[in-house]
Amino acid sequence: MDKIEIEIEGDSKEGSSTEVEKTVRTKRKEFEDGSYEEIRVEDVEGGFIKTVCTRKKVDGQWEYKDDKSVSTEDPLKDNSTEGIASRLESVLKNLG
């Protein structure tokens, strides 16, 4: 068996103040035919980067599409009445 060596960029800067910490959240819908739509949101300084990855079969061939966009508001934030009520309830509990 061959030995494979992988170098990970940034290893030598461990603990350095130049490292950037970011949060990535993913929401994925899978379908019976094996296709899926995945929404990936990266929390970066000053906003969010949203990537929508779509994998689907059209006429027997797989199609791959990635769309990126930038937003100042969280694209995965639940803005429904229930979502707002839940966040408000959480804040009120933490105040008392």
PDB file of N, CA and C in Angstrom:
ATOM      1  N   MET A   1       0.844  -1.176   0.000  1.00  0.00           N
ATOM      2  CA  MET A   1       0.000   0.000   0.000  1.00  0.00           C
ATOM      3  C   MET A   1       0.889   1.239   0.000  1.00  0.00           C
ATOM      4  N   ASP A   2       0.616   2.181  -0.900  1.00  0.00           N
ATOM      5  CA  ASP A   2       1.395   3.404  -0.986  1.00  0.00           C
ATOM      6  C   ASP A   2       1.034   4.356   0.142  1.00  0.00           C
ATOM      7  N   LYS A   3       2.023   5.108   0.564  1.00  0.00           N
ATOM      8  CA  LYS A   3       1.804   6.122   1.592  1.00  0.00           C
ATOM      9  C   LYS A   3       1.501   7.443   0.897  1.00  0.00           C
ATOM     10  N   ILE A   4       0.402   8.075   1.274  1.00  0.00           N
ATOM     11  CA  ILE A   4       0.012   9.343   0.672  1.00  0.00           C
ATOM     12  C   ILE A   4       0.203  10.447   1.701  1.00  0.00           C
ATOM     13  N   GLU A   5       0.931  11.465   1.315  1.00  0.00           N
ATOM     14  CA  GLU A   5       1.173  12.592   2.213  1.00  0.00           C
ATOM     15  C   GLU A   5       0.344  13.777   1.740  1.00  0.00           C
ATOM     16  N   ILE A   6      -0.417  14.349   2.648  1.00  0.00           N
ATOM     17  CA  ILE A   6      -1.263  15.493   2.317  1.00  0.00           C
ATOM     18  C   ILE A   6      -0.817  16.681   3.155  1.00  0.00           C
ATOM     19  N   GLU A   7      -0.519  17.780   2.506  1.00  0.00           N
ATOM     20  CA  GLU A   7      -0.137  18.993   3.219  1.00  0.00           C
ATOM     21  C   GLU A   7      -1.357  19.896   3.314  1.00  0.00           C
ATOM     22  N   ILE A   8      -1.676  20.288   4.528  1.00  0.00           N
ATOM     23  CA  ILE A   8      -2.818  21.163   4.752  1.00  0.00           C
ATOM     24  C   ILE A   8      -2.313  22.583   4.920  1.00  0.00           C
ATOM     25  N   GLU A   9      -2.797  23.472   4.073  1.00  0.00           N
ATOM     26  CA  GLU A   9      -2.369  24.865   4.092  1.00  0.00           C
ATOM     27  C   GLU A   9      -2.704  25.492   5.441  1.00  0.00           C
ATOM     28  N   GLY A  10      -1.790  26.220   6.012  1.00  0.00           N
ATOM     29  CA  GLY A  10      -2.034  26.916   7.267  1.00  0.00           C
ATOM     30  C   GLY A  10      -1.546  26.152   8.491  1.00  0.00           C
ATOM     31  N   ASP A  11      -1.083  24.911   8.331  1.00  0.00           N
ATOM     32  CA  ASP A  11      -0.606  24.127   9.460  1.00  0.00           C
ATOM     33  C   ASP A  11       0.528  24.825  10.204  1.00  0.00           C
ATOM     34  N   SER A  12       1.423  25.470   9.478  1.00  0.00           N
ATOM     35  CA  SER A  12       2.577  26.096  10.115  1.00  0.00           C
ATOM     36  C   SER A  12       2.218  27.388  10.840  1.00  0.00           C
ATOM     37  N   LYS A  13       1.003  27.896  10.642  1.00  0.00           N
ATOM     38  CA  LYS A  13       0.584  29.141  11.286  1.00  0.00           C
ATOM     39  C   LYS A  13      -0.316  28.890  12.489  1.00  0.00           C
ATOM     40  N   GLU A  14      -0.278  27.697  13.042  1.00  0.00           N
ATOM     41  CA  GLU A  14      -1.164  27.349  14.140  1.00  0.00           C
ATOM     42  C   GLU A  14      -1.053  28.371  15.264  1.00  0.00           C
ATOM     43  N   GLY A  15      -2.205  28.922  15.659  1.00  0.00           N
ATOM     44  CA  GLY A  15      -2.223  29.910  16.729  1.00  0.00           C
ATOM     45  C   GLY A  15      -1.936  31.319  16.259  1.00  0.00           C
ATOM     46  N   SER A  16      -1.688  31.496  14.998  1.00  0.00           N
ATOM     47  CA  SER A  16      -1.372  32.817  14.459  1.00  0.00           C
ATOM     48  C   SER A  16      -2.611  33.689  14.396  1.00  0.00           C
ATOM     49  N   SER A  17      -2.442  34.989  14.564  1.00  0.00           N
ATOM     50  CA  SER A  17      -3.568  35.916  14.496  1.00  0.00           C
ATOM     51  C   SER A  17      -4.019  36.143  13.062  1.00  0.00           C
ATOM     52  N   THR A  18      -3.295  35.593  12.093  1.00  0.00           N
ATOM     53  CA  THR A  18      -3.686  35.760  10.697  1.00  0.00           C
ATOM     54  C   THR A  18      -4.722  34.729  10.268  1.00  0.00           C
ATOM     55  N   GLU A  19      -4.982  33.732  11.113  1.00  0.00           N
ATOM     56  CA  GLU A  19      -5.983  32.728  10.776  1.00  0.00           C
ATOM     57  C   GLU A  19      -7.370  33.345  10.848  1.00  0.00           C
ATOM     58  N   VAL A  20      -8.235  32.927   9.947  1.00  0.00           N
ATOM     59  CA  VAL A  20      -9.602  33.420   9.907  1.00  0.00           C
ATOM     60  C   VAL A  20     -10.527  32.309  10.362  1.00  0.00           C
ATOM     61  N   GLU A  21     -11.370  32.641  11.329  1.00  0.00           N
ATOM     62  CA  GLU A  21     -12.324  31.672  11.828  1.00  0.00           C
ATOM     63  C   GLU A  21     -13.660  31.959  11.165  1.00  0.00           C
ATOM     64  N   LYS A  22     -14.295  30.934  10.600  1.00  0.00           N
ATOM     65  CA  LYS A  22     -15.587  31.155   9.985  1.00  0.00           C
ATOM     66  C   LYS A  22     -16.510  29.990  10.295  1.00  0.00           C
ATOM     67  N   THR A  23     -17.794  30.268  10.218  1.00  0.00           N
ATOM     68  CA  THR A  23     -18.801  29.266  10.478  1.00  0.00           C
ATOM     69  C   THR A  23     -19.489  28.918   9.166  1.00  0.00           C
ATOM     70  N   VAL A  24     -19.661  27.634   8.918  1.00  0.00           N
ATOM     71  CA  VAL A  24     -20.359  27.185   7.713  1.00  0.00           C
ATOM     72  C   VAL A  24     -21.523  26.312   8.163  1.00  0.00           C
ATOM     73  N   ARG A  25     -22.723  26.671   7.700  1.00  0.00           N
ATOM     74  CA  ARG A  25     -23.923  25.880   7.999  1.00  0.00           C
ATOM     75  C   ARG A  25     -24.492  25.352   6.696  1.00  0.00           C
ATOM     76  N   THR A  26     -25.063  24.152   6.767  1.00  0.00           N
ATOM     77  CA  THR A  26     -25.567  23.497   5.560  1.00  0.00           C
ATOM     78  C   THR A  26     -26.993  23.004   5.786  1.00  0.00           C
ATOM     79  N   LYS A  27     -27.820  23.209   4.765  1.00  0.00           N
ATOM     80  CA  LYS A  27     -29.190  22.689   4.760  1.00  0.00           C
ATOM     81  C   LYS A  27     -29.339  21.934   3.444  1.00  0.00           C
ATOM     82  N   ARG A  28     -29.766  20.669   3.518  1.00  0.00           N
ATOM     83  CA  ARG A  28     -29.786  19.824   2.321  1.00  0.00           C
ATOM     84  C   ARG A  28     -31.130  19.121   2.171  1.00  0.00           C
ATOM     85  N   LYS A  29     -31.654  19.130   0.941  1.00  0.00           N
ATOM     86  CA  LYS A  29     -32.868  18.394   0.593  1.00  0.00           C
ATOM     87  C   LYS A  29     -32.469  17.306  -0.394  1.00  0.00           C
ATOM     88  N   GLU A  30     -32.776  16.053  -0.047  1.00  0.00           N
ATOM     89  CA  GLU A  30     -32.467  14.934  -0.939  1.00  0.00           C
ATOM     90  C   GLU A  30     -33.765  14.382  -1.517  1.00  0.00           C
ATOM     91  N   PHE A  31     -33.704  13.929  -2.760  1.00  0.00           N
ATOM     92  CA  PHE A  31     -34.875  13.419  -3.450  1.00  0.00           C
ATOM     93  C   PHE A  31     -34.692  11.947  -3.781  1.00  0.00           C
ATOM     94  N   GLU A  32     -35.791  11.265  -4.075  1.00  0.00           N
ATOM     95  CA  GLU A  32     -35.790   9.815  -4.285  1.00  0.00           C
ATOM     96  C   GLU A  32     -34.896   9.367  -5.432  1.00  0.00           C
ATOM     97  N   ASP A  33     -34.735  10.193  -6.448  1.00  0.00           N
ATOM     98  CA  ASP A  33     -33.926   9.795  -7.603  1.00  0.00           C
ATOM     99  C   ASP A  33     -32.428   9.993  -7.393  1.00  0.00           C
ATOM    100  N   GLY A  34     -32.045  10.404  -6.181  1.00  0.00           N
ATOM    101  CA  GLY A  34     -30.631  10.608  -5.875  1.00  0.00           C
ATOM    102  C   GLY A  34     -30.173  12.038  -6.041  1.00  0.00           C
ATOM    103  N   SER A  35     -31.021  12.895  -6.572  1.00  0.00           N
ATOM    104  CA  SER A  35     -30.651  14.306  -6.731  1.00  0.00           C
ATOM    105  C   SER A  35     -30.802  15.024  -5.393  1.00  0.00           C
ATOM    106  N   TYR A  36     -30.195  16.206  -5.311  1.00  0.00           N
ATOM    107  CA  TYR A  36     -30.313  16.991  -4.093  1.00  0.00           C
ATOM    108  C   TYR A  36     -30.067  18.469  -4.360  1.00  0.00           C
ATOM    109  N   GLU A  37     -30.511  19.275  -3.395  1.00  0.00           N
ATOM    110  CA  GLU A  37     -30.219  20.702  -3.387  1.00  0.00           C
ATOM    111  C   GLU A  37     -29.636  21.014  -2.014  1.00  0.00           C
ATOM    112  N   GLU A  38     -28.475  21.616  -2.008  1.00  0.00           N
ATOM    113  CA  GLU A  38     -27.783  21.919  -0.757  1.00  0.00           C
ATOM    114  C   GLU A  38     -27.531  23.423  -0.691  1.00  0.00           C
ATOM    115  N   ILE A  39     -27.874  24.012   0.450  1.00  0.00           N
ATOM    116  CA  ILE A  39     -27.603  25.429   0.676  1.00  0.00           C
ATOM    117  C   ILE A  39     -26.532  25.515   1.749  1.00  0.00           C
ATOM    118  N   ARG A  40     -25.410  26.127   1.390  1.00  0.00           N
ATOM    119  CA  ARG A  40     -24.280  26.290   2.312  1.00  0.00           C
ATOM    120  C   ARG A  40     -24.109  27.777   2.573  1.00  0.00           C
ATOM    121  N   VAL A  41     -24.075  28.163   3.858  1.00  0.00           N
ATOM    122  CA  VAL A  41     -23.923  29.568   4.228  1.00  0.00           C
ATOM    123  C   VAL A  41     -22.655  29.719   5.056  1.00  0.00           C
ATOM    124  N   GLU A  42     -21.752  30.561   4.566  1.00  0.00           N
ATOM    125  CA  GLU A  42     -20.516  30.870   5.290  1.00  0.00           C
ATOM    126  C   GLU A  42     -20.684  32.224   5.957  1.00  0.00           C
ATOM    127  N   ASP A  43     -20.459  32.261   7.259  1.00  0.00           N
ATOM    128  CA  ASP A  43     -20.523  33.509   8.017  1.00  0.00           C
ATOM    129  C   ASP A  43     -19.147  34.159   7.940  1.00  0.00           C
ATOM    130  N   VAL A  44     -19.034  35.252   7.198  1.00  0.00           N
ATOM    131  CA  VAL A  44     -17.769  35.950   7.016  1.00  0.00           C
ATOM    132  C   VAL A  44     -17.903  37.372   7.555  1.00  0.00           C
ATOM    133  N   GLU A  45     -16.781  38.043   7.697  1.00  0.00           N
ATOM    134  CA  GLU A  45     -16.799  39.405   8.218  1.00  0.00           C
ATOM    135  C   GLU A  45     -17.652  40.297   7.318  1.00  0.00           C
ATOM    136  N   GLY A  46     -18.675  40.914   7.905  1.00  0.00           N
ATOM    137  CA  GLY A  46     -19.523  41.843   7.171  1.00  0.00           C
ATOM    138  C   GLY A  46     -20.697  41.223   6.452  1.00  0.00           C
ATOM    139  N   GLY A  47     -20.898  39.906   6.563  1.00  0.00           N
ATOM    140  CA  GLY A  47     -22.046  39.315   5.882  1.00  0.00           C
ATOM    141  C   GLY A  47     -21.976  37.811   5.756  1.00  0.00           C
ATOM    142  N   PHE A  48     -22.591  37.318   4.697  1.00  0.00           N
ATOM    143  CA  PHE A  48     -22.725  35.884   4.484  1.00  0.00           C
ATOM    144  C   PHE A  48     -22.483  35.563   3.009  1.00  0.00           C
ATOM    145  N   ILE A  49     -21.872  34.409   2.748  1.00  0.00           N
ATOM    146  CA  ILE A  49     -21.733  33.898   1.394  1.00  0.00           C
ATOM    147  C   ILE A  49     -22.626  32.671   1.303  1.00  0.00           C
ATOM    148  N   LYS A  50     -23.604  32.728   0.392  1.00  0.00           N
ATOM    149  CA  LYS A  50     -24.548  31.630   0.214  1.00  0.00           C
ATOM    150  C   LYS A  50     -24.207  30.891  -1.077  1.00  0.00           C
ATOM    151  N   THR A  51     -24.071  29.565  -0.970  1.00  0.00           N
ATOM    152  CA  THR A  51     -23.822  28.733  -2.138  1.00  0.00           C
ATOM    153  C   THR A  51     -24.949  27.720  -2.244  1.00  0.00           C
ATOM    154  N   VAL A  52     -25.626  27.699  -3.394  1.00  0.00           N
ATOM    155  CA  VAL A  52     -26.682  26.728  -3.647  1.00  0.00           C
ATOM    156  C   VAL A  52     -26.125  25.725  -4.649  1.00  0.00           C
ATOM    157  N   CYS A  53     -25.970  24.474  -4.201  1.00  0.00           N
ATOM    158  CA  CYS A  53     -25.452  23.393  -5.044  1.00  0.00           C
ATOM    159  C   CYS A  53     -26.630  22.503  -5.436  1.00  0.00           C
ATOM    160  N   THR A  54     -26.832  22.340  -6.731  1.00  0.00           N
ATOM    161  CA  THR A  54     -27.927  21.510  -7.231  1.00  0.00           C
ATOM    162  C   THR A  54     -27.339  20.376  -8.059  1.00  0.00           C
ATOM    163  N   ARG A  55     -27.757  19.161  -7.743  1.00  0.00           N
ATOM    164  CA  ARG A  55     -27.354  17.971  -8.483  1.00  0.00           C
ATOM    165  C   ARG A  55     -28.642  17.265  -8.884  1.00  0.00           C
ATOM    166  N   LYS A  56     -28.906  17.185 -10.199  1.00  0.00           N
ATOM    167  CA  LYS A  56     -30.134  16.533 -10.644  1.00  0.00           C
ATOM    168  C   LYS A  56     -29.919  15.838 -11.983  1.00  0.00           C
ATOM    169  N   LYS A  57     -30.788  14.863 -12.242  1.00  0.00           N
ATOM    170  CA  LYS A  57     -30.711  14.093 -13.471  1.00  0.00           C
ATOM    171  C   LYS A  57     -31.720  14.659 -14.464  1.00  0.00           C
ATOM    172  N   VAL A  58     -31.222  15.051 -15.649  1.00  0.00           N
ATOM    173  CA  VAL A  58     -32.074  15.579 -16.715  1.00  0.00           C
ATOM    174  C   VAL A  58     -31.803  14.751 -17.973  1.00  0.00           C
ATOM    175  N   ASP A  59     -32.835  14.115 -18.499  1.00  0.00           N
ATOM    176  CA  ASP A  59     -32.709  13.267 -19.689  1.00  0.00           C
ATOM    177  C   ASP A  59     -31.619  12.207 -19.538  1.00  0.00           C
ATOM    178  N   GLY A  60     -31.525  11.623 -18.346  1.00  0.00           N
ATOM    179  CA  GLY A  60     -30.559  10.557 -18.102  1.00  0.00           C
ATOM    180  C   GLY A  60     -29.146  11.019 -17.805  1.00  0.00           C
ATOM    181  N   GLN A  61     -28.897  12.319 -17.855  1.00  0.00           N
ATOM    182  CA  GLN A  61     -27.565  12.870 -17.574  1.00  0.00           C
ATOM    183  C   GLN A  61     -27.605  13.703 -16.300  1.00  0.00           C
ATOM    184  N   TRP A  62     -26.554  13.599 -15.513  1.00  0.00           N
ATOM    185  CA  TRP A  62     -26.476  14.400 -14.278  1.00  0.00           C
ATOM    186  C   TRP A  62     -26.041  15.825 -14.599  1.00  0.00           C
ATOM    187  N   GLU A  63     -26.740  16.792 -14.005  1.00  0.00           N
ATOM    188  CA  GLU A  63     -26.382  18.197 -14.146  1.00  0.00           C
ATOM    189  C   GLU A  63     -25.937  18.721 -12.783  1.00  0.00           C
ATOM    190  N   TYR A  64     -24.876  19.494 -12.807  1.00  0.00           N
ATOM    191  CA  TYR A  64     -24.314  20.062 -11.594  1.00  0.00           C
ATOM    192  C   TYR A  64     -24.320  21.584 -11.731  1.00  0.00           C
ATOM    193  N   LYS A  65     -24.848  22.263 -10.737  1.00  0.00           N
ATOM    194  CA  LYS A  65     -24.910  23.716 -10.799  1.00  0.00           C
ATOM    195  C   LYS A  65     -24.639  24.289  -9.413  1.00  0.00           C
ATOM    196  N   ASP A  66     -23.726  25.236  -9.333  1.00  0.00           N
ATOM    197  CA  ASP A  66     -23.411  25.935  -8.085  1.00  0.00           C
ATOM    198  C   ASP A  66     -23.615  27.424  -8.309  1.00  0.00           C
ATOM    199  N   ASP A  67     -24.461  28.034  -7.494  1.00  0.00           N
ATOM    200  CA  ASP A  67     -24.704  29.474  -7.565  1.00  0.00           C
ATOM    201  C   ASP A  67     -24.274  30.107  -6.249  1.00  0.00           C
ATOM    202  N   LYS A  68     -23.431  31.143  -6.339  1.00  0.00           N
ATOM    203  CA  LYS A  68     -22.976  31.852  -5.144  1.00  0.00           C
ATOM    204  C   LYS A  68     -23.569  33.249  -5.122  1.00  0.00           C
ATOM    205  N   SER A  69     -23.882  33.717  -3.908  1.00  0.00           N
ATOM    206  CA  SER A  69     -24.353  35.084  -3.728  1.00  0.00           C
ATOM    207  C   SER A  69     -23.880  35.591  -2.378  1.00  0.00           C
ATOM    208  N   VAL A  70     -23.904  36.903  -2.227  1.00  0.00           N
ATOM    209  CA  VAL A  70     -23.456  37.550  -0.994  1.00  0.00           C
ATOM    210  C   VAL A  70     -24.639  38.301  -0.388  1.00  0.00           C
ATOM    211  N   SER A  71     -24.742  38.263   0.934  1.00  0.00           N
ATOM    212  CA  SER A  71     -25.853  38.921   1.613  1.00  0.00           C
ATOM    213  C   SER A  71     -25.379  39.498   2.938  1.00  0.00           C
ATOM    214  N   THR A  72     -26.025  40.564   3.368  1.00  0.00           N
ATOM    215  CA  THR A  72     -25.721  41.115   4.691  1.00  0.00           C
ATOM    216  C   THR A  72     -26.621  40.495   5.756  1.00  0.00           C
ATOM    217  N   GLU A  73     -27.685  39.799   5.332  1.00  0.00           N
ATOM    218  CA  GLU A  73     -28.588  39.120   6.256  1.00  0.00           C
ATOM    219  C   GLU A  73     -28.436  37.609   6.097  1.00  0.00           C
ATOM    220  N   ASP A  74     -28.632  36.885   7.196  1.00  0.00           N
ATOM    221  CA  ASP A  74     -28.485  35.432   7.199  1.00  0.00           C
ATOM    222  C   ASP A  74     -29.556  34.784   6.325  1.00  0.00           C
ATOM    223  N   PRO A  75     -29.168  34.146   5.216  1.00  0.00           N
ATOM    224  CA  PRO A  75     -30.146  33.536   4.325  1.00  0.00           C
ATOM    225  C   PRO A  75     -30.871  32.328   4.921  1.00  0.00           C
ATOM    226  N   LEU A  76     -30.316  31.702   5.952  1.00  0.00           N
ATOM    227  CA  LEU A  76     -30.968  30.547   6.570  1.00  0.00           C
ATOM    228  C   LEU A  76     -31.823  30.931   7.775  1.00  0.00           C
ATOM    229  N   LYS A  77     -31.861  32.206   8.098  1.00  0.00           N
ATOM    230  CA  LYS A  77     -32.640  32.662   9.249  1.00  0.00           C
ATOM    231  C   LYS A  77     -34.124  32.459   8.968  1.00  0.00           C
ATOM    232  N   ASP A  78     -34.825  31.876   9.926  1.00  0.00           N
ATOM    233  CA  ASP A  78     -36.257  31.599   9.790  1.00  0.00           C
ATOM    234  C   ASP A  78     -37.038  32.875  10.081  1.00  0.00           C
ATOM    235  N   ASN A  79     -37.588  33.499   9.038  1.00  0.00           N
ATOM    236  CA  ASN A  79     -38.339  34.743   9.203  1.00  0.00           C
ATOM    237  C   ASN A  79     -39.846  34.527   9.257  1.00  0.00           C
ATOM    238  N   SER A  80     -40.260  33.273   9.438  1.00  0.00           N
ATOM    239  CA  SER A  80     -41.691  33.002   9.580  1.00  0.00           C
ATOM    240  C   SER A  80     -42.142  33.489  10.953  1.00  0.00           C
ATOM    241  N   THR A  81     -43.436  33.575  11.145  1.00  0.00           N
ATOM    242  CA  THR A  81     -43.994  34.012  12.427  1.00  0.00           C
ATOM    243  C   THR A  81     -43.502  33.106  13.553  1.00  0.00           C
ATOM    244  N   GLU A  82     -43.460  31.793  13.288  1.00  0.00           N
ATOM    245  CA  GLU A  82     -43.013  30.838  14.308  1.00  0.00           C
ATOM    246  C   GLU A  82     -41.531  31.029  14.633  1.00  0.00           C
ATOM    247  N   GLY A  83     -40.733  31.283  13.606  1.00  0.00           N
ATOM    248  CA  GLY A  83     -39.303  31.489  13.815  1.00  0.00           C
ATOM    249  C   GLY A  83     -39.017  32.737  14.631  1.00  0.00           C
ATOM    250  N   ILE A  84     -39.712  33.827  14.320  1.00  0.00           N
ATOM    251  CA  ILE A  84     -39.547  35.088  15.058  1.00  0.00           C
ATOM    252  C   ILE A  84     -40.009  34.902  16.495  1.00  0.00           C
ATOM    253  N   ALA A  85     -41.166  34.243  16.692  1.00  0.00           N
ATOM    254  CA  ALA A  85     -41.693  34.006  18.039  1.00  0.00           C
ATOM    255  C   ALA A  85     -40.723  33.161  18.865  1.00  0.00           C
ATOM    256  N   SER A  86     -40.123  32.163  18.241  1.00  0.00           N
ATOM    257  CA  SER A  86     -39.169  31.297  18.936  1.00  0.00           C
ATOM    258  C   SER A  86     -37.939  32.076  19.391  1.00  0.00           C
ATOM    259  N   ARG A  87     -37.404  32.931  18.504  1.00  0.00           N
ATOM    260  CA  ARG A  87     -36.231  33.737  18.875  1.00  0.00           C
ATOM    261  C   ARG A  87     -36.573  34.736  19.972  1.00  0.00           C
ATOM    262  N   LEU A  88     -37.755  35.349  19.894  1.00  0.00           N
ATOM    263  CA  LEU A  88     -38.187  36.305  20.910  1.00  0.00           C
ATOM    264  C   LEU A  88     -38.354  35.614  22.255  1.00  0.00           C
ATOM    265  N   GLU A  89     -38.940  34.428  22.252  1.00  0.00           N
ATOM    266  CA  GLU A  89     -39.114  33.657  23.485  1.00  0.00           C
ATOM    267  C   GLU A  89     -37.764  33.326  24.113  1.00  0.00           C
ATOM    268  N   SER A  90     -36.797  32.958  23.287  1.00  0.00           N
ATOM    269  CA  SER A  90     -35.449  32.640  23.761  1.00  0.00           C
ATOM    270  C   SER A  90     -34.785  33.857  24.412  1.00  0.00           C
ATOM    271  N   VAL A  91     -34.938  35.014  23.781  1.00  0.00           N
ATOM    272  CA  VAL A  91     -34.365  36.243  24.336  1.00  0.00           C
ATOM    273  C   VAL A  91     -35.002  36.597  25.657  1.00  0.00           C
ATOM    274  N   LEU A  92     -36.328  36.491  25.737  1.00  0.00           N
ATOM    275  CA  LEU A  92     -37.047  36.809  26.985  1.00  0.00           C
ATOM    276  C   LEU A  92     -36.652  35.874  28.124  1.00  0.00           C
ATOM    277  N   LYS A  93     -36.436  34.593  27.818  1.00  0.00           N
ATOM    278  CA  LYS A  93     -36.001  33.633  28.840  1.00  0.00           C
ATOM    279  C   LYS A  93     -34.630  34.005  29.379  1.00  0.00           C
ATOM    280  N   ASN A  94     -33.737  34.460  28.488  1.00  0.00           N
ATOM    281  CA  ASN A  94     -32.378  34.815  28.897  1.00  0.00           C
ATOM    282  C   ASN A  94     -32.338  36.105  29.701  1.00  0.00           C
ATOM    283  N   LEU A  95     -33.336  36.968  29.567  1.00  0.00           N
ATOM    284  CA  LEU A  95     -33.377  38.218  30.336  1.00  0.00           C
ATOM    285  C   LEU A  95     -33.804  37.959  31.786  1.00  0.00           C
ATOM    286  N   GLY A  96     -34.636  36.962  31.981  1.00  0.00           N
ATOM    287  CA  GLY A  96     -35.192  36.717  33.312  1.00  0.00           C
ATOM    288  C   GLY A  96     -34.501  35.686  34.031  1.00  0.00           C
TER     289      GLY A  96
END
